[in-house]
N, C-alpha and C. Protein backbone atom coordinates (compact mmCIF):
# COMPACT_ATOMS: atom_id res chain seq x y z
N MET A 1 0.82 -1.20 0.00
CA MET A 1 0.00 0.00 0.00
C MET A 1 0.87 1.27 0.00
N LYS A 2 1.94 1.25 0.84
CA LYS A 2 2.82 2.40 0.88
C LYS A 2 3.50 2.62 -0.46
N LYS A 3 3.82 1.52 -1.15
CA LYS A 3 4.48 1.63 -2.45
C LYS A 3 3.53 2.29 -3.46
N GLN A 4 2.22 1.97 -3.41
CA GLN A 4 1.24 2.56 -4.32
C GLN A 4 1.10 4.06 -4.05
N ILE A 5 1.07 4.44 -2.78
CA ILE A 5 0.96 5.86 -2.42
C ILE A 5 2.20 6.61 -2.92
N LEU A 6 3.38 6.01 -2.76
CA LEU A 6 4.60 6.63 -3.24
C LEU A 6 4.56 6.80 -4.75
N ILE A 7 4.15 5.77 -5.47
CA ILE A 7 4.07 5.84 -6.93
C ILE A 7 3.07 6.89 -7.37
N ILE A 8 1.91 6.95 -6.73
CA ILE A 8 0.90 7.97 -7.07
C ILE A 8 1.44 9.36 -6.78
N SER A 9 2.13 9.53 -5.66
CA SER A 9 2.72 10.83 -5.32
C SER A 9 3.74 11.26 -6.37
N ILE A 10 4.56 10.32 -6.82
CA ILE A 10 5.56 10.63 -7.84
C ILE A 10 4.87 11.03 -9.14
N ILE A 11 3.84 10.29 -9.52
CA ILE A 11 3.10 10.61 -10.75
C ILE A 11 2.48 11.99 -10.66
N ILE A 12 1.85 12.30 -9.53
CA ILE A 12 1.24 13.61 -9.34
C ILE A 12 2.30 14.70 -9.41
N PHE A 13 3.45 14.46 -8.81
CA PHE A 13 4.54 15.44 -8.85
C PHE A 13 5.01 15.66 -10.28
N ILE A 14 5.18 14.58 -11.04
CA ILE A 14 5.63 14.70 -12.43
C ILE A 14 4.61 15.47 -13.25
N ILE A 15 3.32 15.17 -13.04
CA ILE A 15 2.28 15.89 -13.76
C ILE A 15 2.31 17.37 -13.40
N PHE A 16 2.44 17.68 -12.11
CA PHE A 16 2.48 19.07 -11.66
C PHE A 16 3.67 19.81 -12.28
N VAL A 17 4.84 19.20 -12.25
CA VAL A 17 6.03 19.82 -12.82
C VAL A 17 5.83 20.01 -14.33
N GLY A 18 5.28 18.99 -14.98
CA GLY A 18 5.03 19.11 -16.42
C GLY A 18 4.06 20.22 -16.74
N LEU A 19 2.98 20.34 -15.96
CA LEU A 19 2.01 21.41 -16.20
C LEU A 19 2.61 22.77 -15.90
N SER A 20 3.44 22.84 -14.88
CA SER A 20 4.09 24.12 -14.57
C SER A 20 4.95 24.55 -15.73
N GLY A 21 5.67 23.62 -16.32
CA GLY A 21 6.48 23.94 -17.48
C GLY A 21 5.64 24.42 -18.64
N CYS A 22 4.48 23.80 -18.85
CA CYS A 22 3.59 24.22 -19.93
C CYS A 22 3.07 25.62 -19.68
N GLN A 23 2.71 25.90 -18.42
CA GLN A 23 2.20 27.23 -18.10
C GLN A 23 3.27 28.28 -18.33
N GLU A 24 4.49 27.98 -17.96
CA GLU A 24 5.58 28.93 -18.16
C GLU A 24 5.81 29.16 -19.64
N SER A 25 5.80 28.10 -20.41
CA SER A 25 6.03 28.29 -21.84
C SER A 25 4.87 29.05 -22.48
N GLU A 26 3.65 28.84 -22.00
CA GLU A 26 2.51 29.60 -22.49
C GLU A 26 2.68 31.09 -22.14
N ALA A 27 3.15 31.36 -20.93
CA ALA A 27 3.39 32.74 -20.52
C ALA A 27 4.47 33.36 -21.39
N GLU A 28 5.53 32.61 -21.62
CA GLU A 28 6.61 33.10 -22.48
C GLU A 28 6.09 33.39 -23.89
N LYS A 29 5.21 32.53 -24.38
CA LYS A 29 4.64 32.73 -25.71
C LYS A 29 3.84 34.03 -25.77
N LYS A 30 3.12 34.35 -24.69
CA LYS A 30 2.37 35.62 -24.64
C LYS A 30 3.31 36.80 -24.80
N LEU A 31 4.43 36.75 -24.08
CA LEU A 31 5.39 37.85 -24.14
C LEU A 31 6.05 37.95 -25.52
N GLU A 32 6.34 36.80 -26.12
CA GLU A 32 6.99 36.80 -27.43
C GLU A 32 6.14 37.50 -28.49
N LYS A 33 4.84 37.50 -28.31
CA LYS A 33 3.93 38.11 -29.29
C LYS A 33 3.86 39.63 -29.15
N LEU A 34 4.41 40.16 -28.07
CA LEU A 34 4.35 41.60 -27.82
C LEU A 34 5.55 42.31 -28.45
N GLY A 35 5.35 43.57 -28.79
CA GLY A 35 6.42 44.35 -29.39
C GLY A 35 7.55 44.68 -28.43
N TYR A 36 7.25 44.72 -27.14
CA TYR A 36 8.27 44.97 -26.12
C TYR A 36 8.02 44.01 -24.96
N ALA A 37 9.05 43.31 -24.53
CA ALA A 37 8.94 42.41 -23.37
C ALA A 37 10.16 42.60 -22.49
N ASN A 38 9.94 42.48 -21.18
CA ASN A 38 11.02 42.62 -20.22
C ASN A 38 10.99 41.41 -19.30
N THR A 39 12.09 40.68 -19.24
CA THR A 39 12.17 39.48 -18.41
C THR A 39 13.21 39.63 -17.30
N GLU A 40 13.65 40.87 -17.04
CA GLU A 40 14.70 41.10 -16.05
C GLU A 40 14.18 41.16 -14.62
N TYR A 41 12.89 41.27 -14.43
CA TYR A 41 12.31 41.41 -13.09
C TYR A 41 11.62 40.12 -12.70
N SER A 42 11.25 40.01 -11.41
CA SER A 42 10.62 38.78 -10.93
C SER A 42 9.32 38.48 -11.68
N GLN A 43 8.56 39.51 -12.01
CA GLN A 43 7.39 39.33 -12.86
C GLN A 43 7.76 39.81 -14.25
N LYS A 44 7.61 38.95 -15.22
CA LYS A 44 7.91 39.31 -16.60
C LYS A 44 6.72 40.08 -17.17
N PHE A 45 6.99 41.08 -18.02
CA PHE A 45 5.91 41.91 -18.52
C PHE A 45 6.25 42.47 -19.88
N GLY A 46 5.23 42.99 -20.55
CA GLY A 46 5.45 43.60 -21.84
C GLY A 46 4.18 44.23 -22.38
N PHE A 47 4.29 44.88 -23.52
CA PHE A 47 3.15 45.50 -24.18
C PHE A 47 3.52 45.81 -25.63
N ASN A 48 2.52 46.15 -26.41
CA ASN A 48 2.75 46.55 -27.80
C ASN A 48 2.83 48.07 -27.87
N PRO A 49 3.99 48.62 -28.18
CA PRO A 49 4.09 50.08 -28.33
C PRO A 49 3.38 50.51 -29.62
N PRO A 50 3.07 51.78 -29.73
CA PRO A 50 2.46 52.27 -30.98
C PRO A 50 3.35 51.95 -32.19
N ASP A 51 2.74 51.57 -33.28
CA ASP A 51 3.47 51.24 -34.51
C ASP A 51 4.34 52.41 -34.97
N GLY A 52 5.57 52.09 -35.31
CA GLY A 52 6.46 53.08 -35.88
C GLY A 52 7.17 53.98 -34.88
N TRP A 53 6.86 53.84 -33.59
CA TRP A 53 7.52 54.67 -32.58
C TRP A 53 8.90 54.07 -32.29
N THR A 54 9.87 54.94 -32.00
CA THR A 54 11.26 54.54 -31.79
C THR A 54 11.50 54.16 -30.33
N LYS A 55 12.14 53.02 -30.12
CA LYS A 55 12.42 52.52 -28.76
C LYS A 55 13.74 53.07 -28.24
N ASP A 56 13.73 53.50 -26.96
CA ASP A 56 14.94 53.96 -26.28
C ASP A 56 15.01 53.24 -24.93
N GLU A 57 15.93 52.30 -24.80
CA GLU A 57 16.09 51.57 -23.54
C GLU A 57 17.16 52.19 -22.65
N ASN A 58 17.64 53.38 -23.02
CA ASN A 58 18.61 54.11 -22.21
C ASN A 58 17.97 55.35 -21.59
N ASP A 59 16.69 55.28 -21.33
CA ASP A 59 15.93 56.40 -20.80
C ASP A 59 16.37 56.71 -19.36
N LEU A 60 16.56 57.97 -19.04
CA LEU A 60 16.98 58.37 -17.70
C LEU A 60 15.90 58.18 -16.65
N TYR A 61 14.64 58.16 -17.06
CA TYR A 61 13.52 58.16 -16.12
C TYR A 61 12.75 56.86 -16.07
N GLY A 62 13.19 55.84 -16.78
CA GLY A 62 12.46 54.59 -16.79
C GLY A 62 13.26 53.50 -17.48
N ILE A 63 12.61 52.37 -17.69
CA ILE A 63 13.33 51.25 -18.32
C ILE A 63 13.22 51.27 -19.83
N VAL A 64 12.16 51.92 -20.34
CA VAL A 64 12.03 52.06 -21.79
C VAL A 64 11.12 53.24 -22.10
N ARG A 65 11.40 53.90 -23.23
CA ARG A 65 10.55 54.99 -23.71
C ARG A 65 10.42 54.83 -25.22
N PHE A 66 9.21 55.05 -25.70
CA PHE A 66 8.95 55.00 -27.13
C PHE A 66 8.60 56.41 -27.59
N TYR A 67 9.30 56.86 -28.64
CA TYR A 67 9.10 58.20 -29.15
C TYR A 67 8.29 58.17 -30.44
N GLY A 68 7.28 59.01 -30.48
CA GLY A 68 6.45 59.19 -31.66
C GLY A 68 6.87 60.45 -32.38
N PRO A 69 5.92 61.10 -33.03
CA PRO A 69 6.25 62.30 -33.81
C PRO A 69 6.57 63.51 -32.93
N VAL A 70 7.24 64.48 -33.52
CA VAL A 70 7.49 65.75 -32.86
C VAL A 70 6.35 66.69 -33.24
N VAL A 71 5.66 67.20 -32.22
CA VAL A 71 4.55 68.14 -32.43
C VAL A 71 4.78 69.32 -31.50
N ASP A 72 4.71 70.53 -32.01
CA ASP A 72 4.96 71.74 -31.22
C ASP A 72 6.36 71.70 -30.60
N ASP A 73 7.33 71.19 -31.35
CA ASP A 73 8.72 71.05 -30.90
C ASP A 73 8.89 70.12 -29.70
N PHE A 74 7.91 69.26 -29.46
CA PHE A 74 7.98 68.30 -28.35
C PHE A 74 7.76 66.90 -28.91
N ASN A 75 8.61 65.96 -28.48
CA ASN A 75 8.52 64.58 -28.96
C ASN A 75 7.46 63.82 -28.16
N VAL A 76 6.32 63.52 -28.79
CA VAL A 76 5.28 62.72 -28.16
C VAL A 76 5.93 61.40 -27.72
N ASN A 77 5.64 60.94 -26.49
CA ASN A 77 6.33 59.73 -26.02
C ASN A 77 5.51 58.93 -25.03
N LEU A 78 5.91 57.68 -24.88
CA LEU A 78 5.27 56.72 -23.98
C LEU A 78 6.37 55.99 -23.25
N GLY A 79 6.41 56.13 -21.92
CA GLY A 79 7.49 55.53 -21.15
C GLY A 79 6.99 54.57 -20.09
N LEU A 80 7.83 53.61 -19.74
CA LEU A 80 7.52 52.64 -18.69
C LEU A 80 8.58 52.77 -17.60
N SER A 81 8.12 53.08 -16.38
CA SER A 81 9.04 53.20 -15.24
C SER A 81 9.42 51.83 -14.71
N GLU A 82 10.50 51.81 -13.96
CA GLU A 82 10.91 50.57 -13.31
C GLU A 82 9.83 50.16 -12.31
N PRO A 83 9.46 48.89 -12.26
CA PRO A 83 8.42 48.46 -11.34
C PRO A 83 8.82 48.70 -9.89
N GLY A 84 7.84 49.03 -9.07
CA GLY A 84 8.07 49.21 -7.64
C GLY A 84 7.07 48.38 -6.86
N THR A 85 7.30 48.24 -5.58
CA THR A 85 6.38 47.45 -4.76
C THR A 85 5.65 48.35 -3.78
N ILE A 86 4.44 47.94 -3.46
CA ILE A 86 3.64 48.66 -2.47
C ILE A 86 4.23 48.34 -1.09
N GLY A 87 4.50 49.39 -0.32
CA GLY A 87 5.13 49.22 0.98
C GLY A 87 4.23 48.55 2.01
N THR A 88 4.85 48.05 3.07
CA THR A 88 4.13 47.43 4.16
C THR A 88 3.17 48.44 4.78
N GLY A 89 1.93 48.04 4.97
CA GLY A 89 0.93 48.92 5.55
C GLY A 89 0.34 49.90 4.56
N GLU A 90 0.79 49.85 3.32
CA GLU A 90 0.30 50.74 2.27
C GLU A 90 -0.63 49.95 1.36
N THR A 91 -1.56 50.65 0.74
CA THR A 91 -2.45 50.04 -0.24
C THR A 91 -2.23 50.73 -1.58
N PHE A 92 -2.75 50.14 -2.63
CA PHE A 92 -2.67 50.74 -3.94
C PHE A 92 -3.34 52.11 -3.92
N GLU A 93 -4.48 52.19 -3.25
CA GLU A 93 -5.22 53.45 -3.16
C GLU A 93 -4.44 54.52 -2.40
N SER A 94 -3.78 54.15 -1.30
CA SER A 94 -3.00 55.14 -0.54
C SER A 94 -1.77 55.59 -1.33
N LEU A 95 -1.21 54.69 -2.13
CA LEU A 95 -0.09 55.05 -3.00
C LEU A 95 -0.53 56.10 -4.02
N ILE A 96 -1.68 55.90 -4.62
CA ILE A 96 -2.22 56.86 -5.60
C ILE A 96 -2.45 58.21 -4.94
N GLN A 97 -3.03 58.20 -3.75
CA GLN A 97 -3.27 59.46 -3.03
C GLN A 97 -1.96 60.19 -2.77
N GLU A 98 -0.93 59.46 -2.40
CA GLU A 98 0.37 60.07 -2.13
C GLU A 98 0.97 60.67 -3.41
N VAL A 99 0.87 59.94 -4.50
CA VAL A 99 1.38 60.43 -5.79
C VAL A 99 0.66 61.73 -6.16
N GLU A 100 -0.67 61.71 -6.09
CA GLU A 100 -1.46 62.90 -6.46
C GLU A 100 -1.17 64.08 -5.54
N LYS A 101 -0.94 63.81 -4.28
CA LYS A 101 -0.63 64.87 -3.32
C LYS A 101 0.67 65.58 -3.66
N ASN A 102 1.63 64.83 -4.22
CA ASN A 102 2.95 65.38 -4.53
C ASN A 102 3.04 66.07 -5.89
N PHE A 103 2.09 65.80 -6.79
CA PHE A 103 2.15 66.39 -8.13
C PHE A 103 2.32 67.91 -8.12
N PRO A 104 1.53 68.68 -7.37
CA PRO A 104 1.66 70.14 -7.44
C PRO A 104 3.05 70.66 -7.05
N SER A 105 3.76 69.93 -6.19
CA SER A 105 5.09 70.38 -5.81
C SER A 105 6.16 69.96 -6.81
N VAL A 106 5.83 69.03 -7.69
CA VAL A 106 6.79 68.53 -8.68
C VAL A 106 6.65 69.26 -10.01
N PHE A 107 5.41 69.60 -10.39
CA PHE A 107 5.14 70.19 -11.70
C PHE A 107 4.73 71.65 -11.59
N THR A 108 5.26 72.47 -12.48
CA THR A 108 4.89 73.89 -12.54
C THR A 108 3.53 74.01 -13.22
N ASP A 109 2.68 74.87 -12.69
CA ASP A 109 1.34 75.11 -13.25
C ASP A 109 0.53 73.82 -13.36
N PHE A 110 0.68 72.95 -12.40
CA PHE A 110 -0.01 71.66 -12.40
C PHE A 110 -1.52 71.85 -12.31
N SER A 111 -2.26 71.07 -13.13
CA SER A 111 -3.72 71.06 -13.07
C SER A 111 -4.21 69.64 -13.32
N MET A 112 -4.95 69.08 -12.37
CA MET A 112 -5.50 67.73 -12.49
C MET A 112 -6.71 67.77 -13.41
N ILE A 113 -6.75 66.89 -14.39
CA ILE A 113 -7.90 66.78 -15.27
C ILE A 113 -8.81 65.64 -14.82
N SER A 114 -8.21 64.46 -14.56
CA SER A 114 -9.03 63.34 -14.09
C SER A 114 -8.16 62.33 -13.34
N SER A 115 -8.82 61.56 -12.52
CA SER A 115 -8.18 60.50 -11.76
C SER A 115 -9.24 59.42 -11.54
N VAL A 116 -9.08 58.27 -12.22
CA VAL A 116 -10.12 57.24 -12.17
C VAL A 116 -9.52 55.85 -12.03
N SER A 117 -10.22 55.01 -11.29
CA SER A 117 -9.85 53.60 -11.21
C SER A 117 -10.28 52.92 -12.50
N THR A 118 -9.49 51.95 -12.94
CA THR A 118 -9.78 51.27 -14.19
C THR A 118 -9.12 49.89 -14.14
N THR A 119 -9.13 49.20 -15.23
CA THR A 119 -8.37 47.96 -15.38
C THR A 119 -7.60 48.04 -16.70
N VAL A 120 -6.49 47.35 -16.73
CA VAL A 120 -5.69 47.25 -17.96
C VAL A 120 -5.49 45.76 -18.21
N ASN A 121 -6.08 45.27 -19.28
CA ASN A 121 -5.94 43.87 -19.64
C ASN A 121 -6.31 42.96 -18.46
N GLY A 122 -7.36 43.35 -17.73
CA GLY A 122 -7.84 42.57 -16.60
C GLY A 122 -7.10 42.79 -15.30
N ILE A 123 -6.16 43.72 -15.25
CA ILE A 123 -5.35 43.99 -14.06
C ILE A 123 -5.81 45.31 -13.44
N GLN A 124 -5.85 45.36 -12.10
CA GLN A 124 -6.23 46.58 -11.38
C GLN A 124 -5.30 47.73 -11.78
N ALA A 125 -5.90 48.90 -12.07
CA ALA A 125 -5.10 50.05 -12.51
C ALA A 125 -5.78 51.34 -12.09
N HIS A 126 -5.05 52.43 -12.26
CA HIS A 126 -5.57 53.77 -11.98
C HIS A 126 -4.97 54.71 -13.03
N GLU A 127 -5.82 55.56 -13.60
CA GLU A 127 -5.39 56.48 -14.65
C GLU A 127 -5.50 57.92 -14.15
N ILE A 128 -4.41 58.67 -14.34
CA ILE A 128 -4.37 60.07 -13.92
C ILE A 128 -3.98 60.91 -15.14
N ILE A 129 -4.78 61.93 -15.45
CA ILE A 129 -4.47 62.84 -16.55
C ILE A 129 -4.31 64.24 -15.96
N TYR A 130 -3.25 64.93 -16.38
CA TYR A 130 -2.98 66.26 -15.84
C TYR A 130 -2.19 67.10 -16.84
N THR A 131 -2.21 68.40 -16.62
CA THR A 131 -1.42 69.33 -17.43
C THR A 131 -0.41 70.03 -16.54
N TYR A 132 0.63 70.58 -17.18
CA TYR A 132 1.67 71.32 -16.47
C TYR A 132 2.53 72.02 -17.51
N THR A 133 3.44 72.85 -17.05
CA THR A 133 4.41 73.46 -17.96
C THR A 133 5.80 73.00 -17.58
N GLN A 134 6.62 72.85 -18.60
CA GLN A 134 8.02 72.49 -18.41
C GLN A 134 8.82 73.39 -19.33
N GLY A 135 9.42 74.40 -18.74
CA GLY A 135 10.12 75.39 -19.55
C GLY A 135 9.13 76.10 -20.47
N ILE A 136 9.38 76.04 -21.77
CA ILE A 136 8.50 76.70 -22.74
C ILE A 136 7.33 75.82 -23.19
N TYR A 137 7.28 74.58 -22.70
CA TYR A 137 6.28 73.63 -23.17
C TYR A 137 5.06 73.56 -22.26
N SER A 138 3.89 73.57 -22.87
CA SER A 138 2.63 73.30 -22.16
C SER A 138 2.29 71.85 -22.46
N LEU A 139 2.41 71.00 -21.44
CA LEU A 139 2.31 69.56 -21.64
C LEU A 139 1.10 68.95 -20.96
N GLN A 140 0.74 67.77 -21.44
CA GLN A 140 -0.33 66.99 -20.83
C GLN A 140 0.16 65.55 -20.72
N ASN A 141 -0.04 64.95 -19.56
CA ASN A 141 0.38 63.57 -19.31
C ASN A 141 -0.81 62.71 -18.94
N LYS A 142 -0.69 61.45 -19.29
CA LYS A 142 -1.58 60.41 -18.78
C LYS A 142 -0.67 59.38 -18.13
N GLN A 143 -0.87 59.15 -16.84
CA GLN A 143 -0.11 58.11 -16.16
C GLN A 143 -1.08 57.01 -15.78
N VAL A 144 -0.68 55.79 -16.11
CA VAL A 144 -1.47 54.62 -15.76
C VAL A 144 -0.63 53.80 -14.79
N LEU A 145 -1.13 53.67 -13.57
CA LEU A 145 -0.48 52.87 -12.55
C LEU A 145 -1.18 51.52 -12.55
N ILE A 146 -0.41 50.44 -12.72
CA ILE A 146 -0.96 49.10 -12.84
C ILE A 146 -0.44 48.27 -11.67
N ASN A 147 -1.36 47.66 -10.92
CA ASN A 147 -1.00 46.90 -9.72
C ASN A 147 -1.25 45.42 -9.94
N LYS A 148 -0.17 44.65 -10.00
CA LYS A 148 -0.29 43.20 -10.12
C LYS A 148 0.46 42.56 -8.96
N ASN A 149 -0.29 42.00 -8.01
CA ASN A 149 0.28 41.30 -6.84
C ASN A 149 1.22 42.19 -6.04
N GLY A 150 0.85 43.47 -5.87
CA GLY A 150 1.65 44.38 -5.07
C GLY A 150 2.83 45.00 -5.80
N VAL A 151 3.02 44.66 -7.05
CA VAL A 151 4.05 45.28 -7.88
C VAL A 151 3.35 46.31 -8.76
N VAL A 152 3.86 47.54 -8.76
CA VAL A 152 3.23 48.63 -9.49
C VAL A 152 4.09 49.03 -10.67
N TYR A 153 3.46 49.05 -11.83
CA TYR A 153 4.07 49.47 -13.08
C TYR A 153 3.45 50.82 -13.44
N ILE A 154 4.25 51.77 -13.90
CA ILE A 154 3.72 53.08 -14.28
C ILE A 154 4.07 53.34 -15.73
N ILE A 155 3.03 53.54 -16.53
CA ILE A 155 3.20 53.89 -17.93
C ILE A 155 2.78 55.35 -18.07
N THR A 156 3.65 56.17 -18.65
CA THR A 156 3.39 57.60 -18.79
C THR A 156 3.38 58.00 -20.25
N TYR A 157 2.30 58.62 -20.66
CA TYR A 157 2.17 59.19 -22.00
C TYR A 157 2.29 60.69 -21.86
N ALA A 158 3.18 61.31 -22.64
CA ALA A 158 3.39 62.76 -22.58
C ALA A 158 3.33 63.35 -23.98
N ALA A 159 2.63 64.48 -24.08
CA ALA A 159 2.51 65.19 -25.36
C ALA A 159 2.25 66.66 -25.06
N SER A 160 2.43 67.49 -26.08
CA SER A 160 2.02 68.89 -25.90
C SER A 160 0.51 68.88 -25.70
N GLN A 161 0.01 69.90 -24.99
CA GLN A 161 -1.43 69.95 -24.72
C GLN A 161 -2.23 69.95 -26.01
N SER A 162 -1.73 70.59 -27.06
CA SER A 162 -2.48 70.66 -28.31
C SER A 162 -2.47 69.33 -29.07
N ALA A 163 -1.48 68.46 -28.82
CA ALA A 163 -1.38 67.19 -29.55
C ALA A 163 -1.88 65.99 -28.74
N PHE A 164 -2.15 66.18 -27.46
CA PHE A 164 -2.50 65.07 -26.57
C PHE A 164 -3.66 64.23 -27.11
N ASP A 165 -4.76 64.86 -27.47
CA ASP A 165 -5.94 64.14 -27.94
C ASP A 165 -5.68 63.39 -29.24
N ASP A 166 -4.77 63.90 -30.07
CA ASP A 166 -4.49 63.28 -31.36
C ASP A 166 -3.86 61.89 -31.23
N TYR A 167 -3.14 61.65 -30.15
CA TYR A 167 -2.42 60.39 -29.98
C TYR A 167 -2.96 59.55 -28.81
N GLU A 168 -3.91 60.07 -28.07
CA GLU A 168 -4.38 59.36 -26.89
C GLU A 168 -4.98 57.99 -27.21
N LEU A 169 -5.73 57.87 -28.29
CA LEU A 169 -6.36 56.59 -28.63
C LEU A 169 -5.32 55.51 -28.95
N ILE A 170 -4.30 55.84 -29.75
CA ILE A 170 -3.31 54.81 -30.07
C ILE A 170 -2.47 54.46 -28.85
N VAL A 171 -2.25 55.44 -27.98
CA VAL A 171 -1.53 55.16 -26.74
C VAL A 171 -2.39 54.26 -25.84
N GLU A 172 -3.66 54.56 -25.74
CA GLU A 172 -4.56 53.74 -24.91
C GLU A 172 -4.60 52.31 -25.42
N GLN A 173 -4.66 52.13 -26.73
CA GLN A 173 -4.64 50.78 -27.30
C GLN A 173 -3.35 50.06 -26.94
N SER A 174 -2.26 50.78 -26.96
CA SER A 174 -0.97 50.21 -26.59
C SER A 174 -0.95 49.81 -25.11
N VAL A 175 -1.36 50.72 -24.25
CA VAL A 175 -1.37 50.45 -22.81
C VAL A 175 -2.25 49.24 -22.49
N ASN A 176 -3.36 49.10 -23.19
CA ASN A 176 -4.28 48.01 -22.91
C ASN A 176 -3.74 46.63 -23.31
N THR A 177 -2.58 46.60 -23.96
CA THR A 177 -1.93 45.31 -24.25
C THR A 177 -0.95 44.91 -23.16
N PHE A 178 -0.78 45.76 -22.14
CA PHE A 178 0.18 45.48 -21.08
C PHE A 178 -0.15 44.13 -20.44
N THR A 179 0.86 43.28 -20.33
CA THR A 179 0.68 41.92 -19.83
C THR A 179 1.75 41.63 -18.80
N VAL A 180 1.35 40.99 -17.71
CA VAL A 180 2.29 40.52 -16.69
C VAL A 180 2.13 39.01 -16.60
N VAL A 181 3.26 38.29 -16.64
CA VAL A 181 3.19 36.82 -16.54
C VAL A 181 4.06 36.34 -15.38
């Protein structure tokens, strides 16, 4: 009887390991289909950037930035910050409140347009749209904070205020492909 239990346990273990391998390869396949994938962090992630935008993985403010057209002497862009974790005793909602509280001290002429809870590809997220000035530029940003298992990814879309609406739909389509495996 003990020998049968041992054999069944081994079979179950082999099946579990085999299925885990299949799940991992399926996850890897999801990432391979995306235009940008990052496997350097504990959670692998990626998304499809807008078609024709130029990739820069040497961005000073994040792990990758995609540049679109230049409008009003400003390069429309979409950047992904390095993932961070929600601190002990902190919630996703309290993190958002803290970020929003600090915006006016970080940005000149800051004005909040909207702040709404949402989902991105089935993952809990929050979208913040705001305007500000940076030197001679009047800019508008959309930041999407995505929370997957306590890891927060921030995607930022920046454009001149006059060009923001022209590219928002293609940026939104891109952001909605964000995948964490």
